[in-house]
Amino acid sequence: MDRRNLLTKLLMVFLVLMFLGGITLGAIEVLSAEGQEPPEANYQQSLTQRPESKEEIIQYLNYCVDYAKAEKTKLDINTELSIDDDSVSFGENGDMLKKSFIYAKDSLLDNLMKKYPESSFDFGRDYSEKLWNLKFDPVLIAGSESKEEADNYTFKILFPDEENPFGMIGVVNQSFHMSNTQAVFRYLWDSCKNFASVDDVKVRCTGLEIDSNVNRLTNKISNIIYIKKMVVEADITFLGELSPAGTRKMTFTVEEKTNFNFTWANLTLSPKTLNMEKGDILVINALITASGDVKAKWLSSNPAVASVGSDGYVKGEEISKEPVMISAEFDFLGKKYTDTCEVYVKVPVKKVKISQKKLNMKTGSTAKLDAYVKPDDATIKEVLWFSKDPTIAKVDKNGNVTAVSKGGTEIYILSKDGYYKISCAVTVTD
């Protein structure tokens, strides 16, 4: 064999080995990097225990409204009207009239909405007289619901149906401003007089309800909604060109929602945590809720590590294991609003490794696992240790594993920086 052929074959063997080695190393890299898995956020306790009875709900909501008034929140009031298409009926053989009514419904509702002008009260204005009553004797309440959903409490207060809501006088009718609704219905019937006469009108309230949402962490109320669901029946006699339709029993269901929406003055920074490297320039966004020309003032707890400009741009000056608190604040209506962002200037962790991927143990025995972060010069090297099933094998904060009972589980680590995860499969036998 000549020298040239020998060199060629040796080169091919070398390239094949390099290729296979690359695959092997790549596989090892995949096995040693199982992605990122931030730990579950700790549950935040409510500022006030969730009220459950109707008495407690009424008391709590009145407290929250008084709190909103004291904090000089903004208030927006608007009303929504809707008619359920499926509820519309003109009696036997009235399908064509029903379709015509549904077709004209949006225009009809637009005209009715003119009787419900929106109103808005800016921060600092007194809107007490515009709020509807919330101080009900619990005897008047038919039922209530109280739920916790994420960071909110949601409430429903239900009242009995009323067969004659416009003919009755009482706290509930006054609180739901039934007289305003009655005036709107009068306007509706008057608007029909050019093509029909309306007689024997009956309106039944089949749903009187108050809904509300409150942030359970702050007791800040976001809205109160007064809901009236009404079934309308009337004899309608068509006139003029429509007179061949004769007299019909018209029925439909209308829902009226009056929304009281509270807006709280606030300052929120985003993100709440910022990771950066030396020399980086990144921005923290400040969402300001206020009126007028309000600007935030920015501060850094350690400008030598992370400095901040007047517009929220942060520069990483020096690497540090300790975080820097970047804060923003502004004054509004005699109160200071502030929020913070935790900034780390560091060499970030890219992945983690563990000393063993599999571990066979006997019950009662112990073993030591070691964890490593990459790159070697990462600023924050600490890891967190977890066991998926501590009843089979448990682990302490230093990676010491104790076999507890027969079975299989997983010991895994999360890097404190980046929450990179890697695991070791543990099998315990007797």
Protein backbone atom coordinates (compact mmCIF):
# COMPACT_ATOMS: atom_id res chain seq x y z
CA MET A 1 0.00 0.00 0.00
CA ASP A 2 1.44 3.34 -0.98
CA ARG A 3 1.92 6.16 1.46
CA ARG A 4 -0.72 8.37 -0.17
CA ASN A 5 -3.50 5.76 0.19
CA LEU A 6 -2.50 5.11 3.79
CA LEU A 7 -2.72 8.82 4.67
CA THR A 8 -6.10 9.08 2.96
CA LYS A 9 -7.49 6.13 4.96
CA LEU A 10 -6.07 7.47 8.22
CA LEU A 11 -7.68 10.86 7.51
CA MET A 12 -11.07 9.20 6.87
CA VAL A 13 -10.81 7.20 10.10
CA PHE A 14 -9.94 10.39 11.98
CA LEU A 15 -12.91 12.26 10.51
CA VAL A 16 -15.30 9.42 11.34
CA LEU A 17 -14.05 9.33 14.93
CA MET A 18 -14.43 13.09 15.18
CA PHE A 19 -17.99 12.83 13.83
CA LEU A 20 -18.96 10.05 16.25
CA GLY A 21 -17.29 11.88 19.10
CA GLY A 22 -19.24 14.98 18.23
CA ILE A 23 -22.49 13.02 18.30
CA THR A 24 -21.55 11.49 21.65
CA LEU A 25 -20.62 14.84 23.14
CA GLY A 26 -23.79 16.35 21.74
CA ALA A 27 -25.86 13.60 23.34
CA ILE A 28 -24.12 14.19 26.66
CA GLU A 29 -24.83 17.90 26.38
CA VAL A 30 -28.53 17.18 25.73
CA LEU A 31 -28.67 14.80 28.71
CA SER A 32 -27.01 17.35 30.95
CA ALA A 33 -29.34 20.21 30.00
CA GLU A 34 -33.00 19.44 30.72
CA GLY A 35 -34.26 22.96 30.24
CA GLN A 36 -35.40 25.64 32.65
CA GLU A 37 -38.05 25.18 35.31
CA PRO A 38 -38.71 28.08 37.66
CA PRO A 39 -40.07 26.90 41.01
CA GLU A 40 -43.73 27.51 41.68
CA ALA A 41 -44.42 30.90 43.18
CA ASN A 42 -45.36 30.85 46.83
CA TYR A 43 -49.04 31.43 47.55
CA GLN A 44 -49.66 35.00 48.70
CA GLN A 45 -51.96 35.41 51.65
CA SER A 46 -54.98 37.66 51.29
CA LEU A 47 -55.00 40.96 53.12
CA THR A 48 -58.48 40.12 54.46
CA GLN A 49 -59.98 36.67 54.90
CA ARG A 50 -62.53 35.96 52.17
CA PRO A 51 -66.05 36.86 53.33
CA GLU A 52 -68.54 34.07 52.67
CA SER A 53 -71.93 34.88 54.17
CA LYS A 54 -74.15 37.54 52.61
CA GLU A 55 -73.74 39.69 55.72
CA GLU A 56 -69.95 39.48 55.49
CA ILE A 57 -69.93 40.18 51.75
CA ILE A 58 -72.07 43.31 52.10
CA GLN A 59 -69.90 44.58 54.97
CA TYR A 60 -66.67 43.89 53.07
CA LEU A 61 -67.81 45.53 49.83
CA ASN A 62 -68.92 48.67 51.67
CA TYR A 63 -65.51 48.80 53.34
CA CYS A 64 -63.80 48.47 49.94
CA VAL A 65 -65.91 51.25 48.42
CA ASP A 66 -65.13 53.55 51.37
CA TYR A 67 -61.44 52.72 50.88
CA ALA A 68 -61.68 53.64 47.18
CA LYS A 69 -63.31 56.98 48.00
CA ALA A 70 -60.69 57.74 50.65
CA GLU A 71 -57.89 57.00 48.15
CA LYS A 72 -59.49 59.39 45.63
CA THR A 73 -59.75 56.84 42.84
CA LYS A 74 -61.07 57.57 39.40
CA LEU A 75 -64.61 56.32 38.65
CA ASP A 76 -66.21 55.56 35.29
CA ILE A 77 -69.91 54.73 35.00
CA ASN A 78 -71.53 53.19 31.94
CA THR A 79 -74.53 51.04 31.09
CA GLU A 80 -74.85 48.15 28.64
CA LEU A 81 -78.10 46.89 27.13
CA SER A 82 -78.60 43.58 25.37
CA ILE A 83 -81.57 41.58 24.04
CA ASP A 84 -81.41 37.81 23.83
CA ASP A 85 -82.25 36.80 20.24
CA ASP A 86 -83.65 33.44 21.34
CA SER A 87 -86.08 35.17 23.68
CA VAL A 88 -87.77 37.20 20.95
CA SER A 89 -91.25 35.94 20.00
CA PHE A 90 -94.27 37.29 18.13
CA GLY A 91 -96.45 34.25 18.68
CA GLU A 92 -97.57 31.66 16.15
CA ASN A 93 -96.41 32.31 12.57
CA GLY A 94 -94.39 35.27 13.80
CA ASP A 95 -91.02 34.15 12.45
CA MET A 96 -90.80 36.96 9.89
CA LEU A 97 -91.59 39.58 12.53
CA LYS A 98 -89.00 38.01 14.83
CA LYS A 99 -86.31 38.19 12.13
CA SER A 100 -87.20 41.81 11.40
CA PHE A 101 -87.00 42.68 15.09
CA ILE A 102 -83.60 41.02 15.48
CA TYR A 103 -82.36 42.78 12.34
CA ALA A 104 -83.41 46.18 13.75
CA LYS A 105 -82.35 45.35 17.30
CA ASP A 106 -78.91 47.01 17.21
CA SER A 107 -80.36 50.28 15.95
CA LEU A 108 -83.05 50.07 18.63
CA LEU A 109 -80.49 49.51 21.37
CA ASP A 110 -78.34 52.39 20.08
CA ASN A 111 -81.31 54.73 20.46
CA LEU A 112 -82.08 53.42 23.94
CA MET A 113 -78.44 53.84 25.00
CA LYS A 114 -78.82 57.60 24.51
CA LYS A 115 -80.85 57.50 27.70
CA TYR A 116 -77.85 56.12 29.57
CA PRO A 117 -75.12 58.76 29.25
CA GLU A 118 -71.66 57.74 30.44
CA SER A 119 -70.06 59.67 33.25
CA SER A 120 -66.50 59.88 34.53
CA PHE A 121 -64.95 61.33 37.68
CA ASP A 122 -61.23 62.01 37.58
CA PHE A 123 -58.82 61.26 40.42
CA GLY A 124 -59.55 63.41 43.46
CA ARG A 125 -63.19 64.20 42.63
CA ASP A 126 -66.00 63.26 45.00
CA TYR A 127 -68.38 60.79 43.36
CA SER A 128 -70.20 59.61 46.49
CA GLU A 129 -73.63 60.75 45.31
CA LYS A 130 -73.28 58.87 42.01
CA LEU A 131 -72.74 55.47 43.63
CA TRP A 132 -75.73 53.18 43.98
CA ASN A 133 -76.77 51.73 47.31
CA LEU A 134 -74.83 48.75 48.70
CA LYS A 135 -76.16 48.81 52.26
CA PHE A 136 -78.76 46.06 52.12
CA ASP A 137 -80.50 44.32 54.96
CA PRO A 138 -79.44 40.66 54.53
CA VAL A 139 -83.14 39.70 54.73
CA LEU A 140 -83.64 41.28 51.29
CA ILE A 141 -80.93 39.11 49.71
CA ALA A 142 -81.95 35.78 48.16
CA GLY A 143 -78.45 34.36 47.92
CA SER A 144 -74.76 35.13 47.49
CA GLU A 145 -71.58 33.65 46.02
CA SER A 146 -67.99 34.23 47.08
CA LYS A 147 -64.95 32.88 45.21
CA GLU A 148 -61.19 33.28 45.12
CA GLU A 149 -59.73 33.39 41.60
CA ALA A 150 -55.99 34.05 41.28
CA ASP A 151 -55.37 37.39 43.05
CA ASN A 152 -59.06 38.38 43.12
CA TYR A 153 -62.17 37.83 45.13
CA THR A 154 -65.34 37.64 43.03
CA PHE A 155 -68.78 38.17 44.53
CA LYS A 156 -72.40 37.77 43.47
CA ILE A 157 -75.34 39.11 45.46
CA LEU A 158 -78.70 37.78 44.27
CA PHE A 159 -82.13 39.28 44.95
CA PRO A 160 -85.62 37.73 44.59
CA ASP A 161 -87.48 38.03 41.28
CA GLU A 162 -89.98 40.85 41.08
CA GLU A 163 -93.24 40.42 39.19
CA ASN A 164 -93.94 44.15 39.12
CA PRO A 165 -90.64 46.01 39.42
CA PHE A 166 -92.08 49.36 38.32
CA GLY A 167 -95.10 49.19 40.60
CA MET A 168 -93.27 48.32 43.80
CA ILE A 169 -91.55 50.71 46.17
CA GLY A 170 -88.70 49.47 48.30
CA VAL A 171 -84.98 49.55 49.00
CA VAL A 172 -84.15 47.06 46.23
CA ASN A 173 -86.10 48.96 43.54
CA GLN A 174 -84.59 52.25 44.62
CA SER A 175 -81.10 50.77 44.81
CA PHE A 176 -81.37 49.40 41.27
CA HIS A 177 -82.86 52.71 40.01
CA MET A 178 -85.93 51.03 38.56
CA SER A 179 -87.52 54.41 37.84
CA ASN A 180 -84.73 55.13 35.32
CA THR A 181 -85.37 51.84 33.56
CA GLN A 182 -89.11 52.52 33.50
CA ALA A 183 -88.47 55.87 31.79
CA VAL A 184 -86.37 54.12 29.14
CA PHE A 185 -89.18 51.64 28.43
CA ARG A 186 -91.61 54.54 28.06
CA TYR A 187 -89.26 56.06 25.51
CA LEU A 188 -89.19 52.70 23.70
CA TRP A 189 -92.96 52.49 23.42
CA ASP A 190 -93.22 56.14 22.34
CA SER A 191 -90.70 55.48 19.55
CA CYS A 192 -93.02 52.76 18.18
CA LYS A 193 -96.13 54.94 17.83
CA ASN A 194 -95.58 55.67 14.12
CA PHE A 195 -95.99 52.04 13.12
CA ALA A 196 -97.66 50.30 16.10
CA SER A 197 -99.61 50.80 19.30
CA VAL A 198 -98.44 49.04 22.43
CA ASP A 199 -100.85 47.88 25.14
CA ASP A 200 -100.96 45.69 28.24
CA VAL A 201 -97.21 45.94 28.89
CA LYS A 202 -95.84 43.64 31.56
CA VAL A 203 -92.25 43.64 32.79
CA ARG A 204 -90.93 40.97 35.16
CA CYS A 205 -87.48 41.02 36.79
CA THR A 206 -86.16 37.47 36.53
CA GLY A 207 -82.70 38.36 37.76
CA LEU A 208 -81.51 41.14 40.03
CA GLU A 209 -77.84 40.79 40.81
CA ILE A 210 -74.79 42.71 41.98
CA ASP A 211 -71.36 41.46 40.89
CA SER A 212 -68.02 42.75 42.12
CA ASN A 213 -64.28 42.07 41.87
CA VAL A 214 -61.73 42.97 44.55
CA ASN A 215 -57.97 42.41 44.59
CA ARG A 216 -57.58 40.13 47.62
CA LEU A 217 -53.93 41.19 48.18
CA THR A 218 -54.73 44.89 48.51
CA ASN A 219 -58.52 45.18 49.14
CA LYS A 220 -58.69 47.40 46.06
CA ILE A 221 -62.07 47.11 44.39
CA SER A 222 -62.04 47.14 40.58
CA ASN A 223 -65.76 47.19 39.78
CA ILE A 224 -69.36 46.87 40.90
CA ILE A 225 -71.96 45.76 38.35
CA TYR A 226 -75.73 46.10 38.91
CA ILE A 227 -77.56 43.65 36.64
CA LYS A 228 -81.27 43.64 35.80
CA LYS A 229 -82.67 40.82 33.67
CA MET A 230 -86.23 41.59 32.57
CA VAL A 231 -88.83 39.68 30.58
CA VAL A 232 -90.99 42.08 28.57
CA GLU A 233 -94.46 41.13 27.29
CA ALA A 234 -96.83 43.43 25.40
CA ASP A 235 -99.70 43.40 22.92
CA ILE A 236 -98.49 45.18 19.82
CA THR A 237 -100.96 46.26 17.11
CA PHE A 238 -99.31 47.14 13.85
CA LEU A 239 -100.49 50.22 11.93
CA GLY A 240 -100.30 51.55 8.39
CA GLU A 241 -98.48 49.34 5.90
CA LEU A 242 -97.82 46.83 8.68
CA SER A 243 -101.49 46.53 9.68
CA PRO A 244 -101.89 43.15 7.91
CA ALA A 245 -99.71 41.70 10.71
CA GLY A 246 -102.58 42.51 13.10
CA THR A 247 -102.14 42.34 16.86
CA ARG A 248 -99.39 40.17 18.26
CA LYS A 249 -98.15 39.14 21.69
CA MET A 250 -94.54 40.34 21.69
CA THR A 251 -92.03 38.87 24.16
CA PHE A 252 -88.31 39.43 24.65
CA THR A 253 -85.70 39.41 27.42
CA VAL A 254 -83.51 42.45 28.00
CA GLU A 255 -80.45 42.69 30.25
CA GLU A 256 -79.26 46.00 31.67
CA LYS A 257 -75.80 46.22 33.25
CA THR A 258 -74.65 49.37 35.01
CA ASN A 259 -70.88 49.27 35.56
CA PHE A 260 -69.01 51.23 38.19
CA ASN A 261 -65.31 50.88 37.32
CA PHE A 262 -62.68 52.09 39.80
CA THR A 263 -59.17 53.07 38.67
CA TRP A 264 -56.47 53.34 41.31
CA ALA A 265 -53.47 55.63 41.05
CA ASN A 266 -50.46 53.36 40.78
CA LEU A 267 -46.92 52.78 39.57
CA THR A 268 -45.83 49.39 38.23
CA LEU A 269 -42.36 48.50 36.95
CA SER A 270 -41.83 45.81 34.34
CA PRO A 271 -39.94 43.52 34.53
CA LYS A 272 -39.76 42.94 38.28
CA THR A 273 -36.38 41.20 37.91
CA LEU A 274 -33.72 42.16 35.36
CA ASN A 275 -30.66 40.07 34.52
CA MET A 276 -27.83 41.74 32.62
CA GLU A 277 -24.13 41.51 31.92
CA LYS A 278 -21.49 44.17 32.41
CA GLY A 279 -21.83 46.82 29.70
CA ASP A 280 -25.45 45.98 28.88
CA ILE A 281 -27.98 48.80 28.64
CA LEU A 282 -31.57 47.66 29.18
CA VAL A 283 -34.81 49.49 29.91
CA ILE A 284 -37.28 49.09 32.77
CA ASN A 285 -40.78 50.19 31.80
CA ALA A 286 -42.79 52.27 34.26
CA LEU A 287 -46.59 52.14 33.93
CA ILE A 288 -48.00 55.20 35.65
CA THR A 289 -51.72 55.43 36.39
CA ALA A 290 -52.56 59.03 37.25
CA SER A 291 -53.83 62.18 35.59
CA GLY A 292 -51.90 65.23 34.47
CA ASP A 293 -48.20 65.57 33.71
CA VAL A 294 -46.75 63.03 36.13
CA LYS A 295 -43.19 61.73 35.77
CA ALA A 296 -41.32 59.13 37.75
CA LYS A 297 -38.05 59.75 39.57
CA TRP A 298 -35.53 56.88 39.22
CA LEU A 299 -33.06 55.70 41.87
CA SER A 300 -30.41 52.97 42.16
CA SER A 301 -29.39 51.40 45.47
CA ASN A 302 -25.86 50.88 44.10
CA PRO A 303 -25.03 53.01 41.01
CA ALA A 304 -21.49 51.59 40.92
CA VAL A 305 -22.96 48.21 39.94
CA ALA A 306 -26.12 49.28 38.04
CA SER A 307 -26.88 52.89 37.20
CA VAL A 308 -30.22 54.19 35.95
CA GLY A 309 -31.14 57.22 33.88
CA SER A 310 -34.15 59.51 34.07
CA ASP A 311 -36.00 57.43 31.49
CA GLY A 312 -35.54 54.02 33.10
CA TYR A 313 -32.53 52.83 31.07
CA VAL A 314 -30.23 50.72 33.26
CA LYS A 315 -26.53 50.17 32.58
CA GLY A 316 -24.54 47.25 34.00
CA GLU A 317 -21.44 48.89 35.45
CA GLU A 318 -19.78 46.08 37.45
CA ILE A 319 -20.40 42.39 38.12
CA SER A 320 -21.84 41.67 41.57
CA LYS A 321 -23.38 38.66 43.25
CA GLU A 322 -25.72 40.94 45.20
CA PRO A 323 -28.74 42.48 43.48
CA VAL A 324 -29.24 46.19 42.98
CA MET A 325 -32.69 47.66 43.64
CA ILE A 326 -33.79 50.06 40.93
CA SER A 327 -36.79 52.07 42.11
CA ALA A 328 -39.14 54.63 40.61
CA GLU A 329 -41.49 56.96 42.47
CA PHE A 330 -43.86 59.86 41.96
CA ASP A 331 -46.10 62.08 44.11
CA PHE A 332 -49.80 62.42 43.31
CA LEU A 333 -52.64 63.96 45.32
CA GLY A 334 -50.52 64.08 48.45
CA LYS A 335 -49.36 60.46 48.32
CA LYS A 336 -46.11 58.83 47.18
CA TYR A 337 -46.27 55.86 44.79
CA THR A 338 -43.25 53.62 44.29
CA ASP A 339 -42.18 50.28 42.86
CA THR A 340 -38.89 48.40 42.50
CA CYS A 341 -37.03 46.10 40.12
CA GLU A 342 -34.31 43.69 41.28
CA VAL A 343 -31.30 43.96 38.94
CA TYR A 344 -28.44 41.46 38.70
CA VAL A 345 -25.24 42.32 36.83
CA LYS A 346 -23.46 39.00 36.37
CA VAL A 347 -21.92 36.31 34.24
CA PRO A 348 -25.03 34.18 33.71
CA VAL A 349 -25.34 30.43 34.19
CA LYS A 350 -25.84 28.64 30.84
CA LYS A 351 -26.41 25.09 32.06
CA VAL A 352 -25.96 22.72 34.98
CA LYS A 353 -24.37 19.29 35.42
CA ILE A 354 -24.79 16.57 38.01
CA SER A 355 -22.19 13.99 39.08
CA GLN A 356 -24.43 10.98 38.34
CA LYS A 357 -27.43 10.44 36.09
CA LYS A 358 -28.41 7.14 37.74
CA LEU A 359 -28.14 6.03 41.33
CA ASN A 360 -28.93 2.59 42.79
CA MET A 361 -29.30 2.48 46.57
CA LYS A 362 -30.40 0.22 49.41
CA THR A 363 -32.96 1.41 51.92
CA GLY A 364 -31.29 3.30 54.72
CA SER A 365 -28.12 4.00 52.75
CA THR A 366 -26.78 7.43 51.80
CA ALA A 367 -24.97 8.81 48.78
CA LYS A 368 -23.51 12.13 47.72
CA LEU A 369 -24.38 13.94 44.49
CA ASP A 370 -22.43 16.94 43.27
CA ALA A 371 -23.72 19.75 41.09
CA TYR A 372 -21.83 22.10 38.79
CA VAL A 373 -22.84 25.20 36.88
CA LYS A 374 -21.36 26.34 33.61
CA PRO A 375 -19.51 28.48 32.73
CA ASP A 376 -16.95 28.16 35.52
CA ASP A 377 -16.89 31.92 36.05
CA ALA A 378 -20.68 32.21 36.50
CA THR A 379 -21.42 34.78 39.19
CA ILE A 380 -24.12 32.85 41.04
CA LYS A 381 -23.12 29.21 41.45
CA GLU A 382 -25.65 28.06 44.04
CA VAL A 383 -28.20 25.35 43.20
CA LEU A 384 -31.41 24.15 44.83
CA TRP A 385 -31.94 20.43 45.53
CA PHE A 386 -35.30 18.66 45.20
CA SER A 387 -36.73 15.14 45.40
CA LYS A 388 -39.84 14.28 43.41
CA ASP A 389 -40.82 11.73 46.07
CA PRO A 390 -39.14 12.23 49.45
CA THR A 391 -40.89 9.10 50.77
CA ILE A 392 -38.57 7.06 48.50
CA ALA A 393 -35.42 9.18 48.57
CA LYS A 394 -34.79 12.54 50.16
CA VAL A 395 -32.02 15.04 49.61
CA ASP A 396 -30.60 17.88 51.68
CA LYS A 397 -29.34 21.27 50.54
CA ASN A 398 -25.82 19.86 49.98
CA GLY A 399 -26.80 16.97 47.70
CA ASN A 400 -26.71 14.22 50.36
CA VAL A 401 -29.28 11.59 49.34
CA THR A 402 -30.91 9.21 51.81
CA ALA A 403 -32.78 6.10 50.59
CA VAL A 404 -36.04 5.92 52.55
CA SER A 405 -38.13 3.11 50.99
CA LYS A 406 -38.27 0.80 47.99
CA GLY A 407 -39.17 2.39 44.67
CA GLY A 408 -38.00 4.85 42.06
CA THR A 409 -37.87 8.62 42.08
CA GLU A 410 -35.85 11.54 40.78
CA ILE A 411 -33.42 13.87 42.51
CA TYR A 412 -32.99 17.08 40.57
CA ILE A 413 -31.33 20.44 40.89
CA LEU A 414 -32.26 23.93 39.80
CA SER A 415 -29.65 26.63 39.44
CA LYS A 416 -30.54 29.72 41.43
CA ASP A 417 -29.56 31.73 38.37
CA GLY A 418 -31.78 30.86 35.43
CA TYR A 419 -33.41 27.83 37.07
CA TYR A 420 -31.62 25.38 34.77
CA LYS A 421 -32.60 21.82 35.65
CA ILE A 422 -30.88 18.42 35.58
CA SER A 423 -31.85 15.21 37.33
CA CYS A 424 -30.59 11.88 38.60
CA ALA A 425 -32.82 8.77 38.50
CA VAL A 426 -32.75 7.03 41.87
CA THR A 427 -33.76 3.38 42.36
CA VAL A 428 -34.09 2.11 45.93
CA THR A 429 -34.20 -1.59 46.76
CA ASP A 430 -34.45 -3.49 50.04
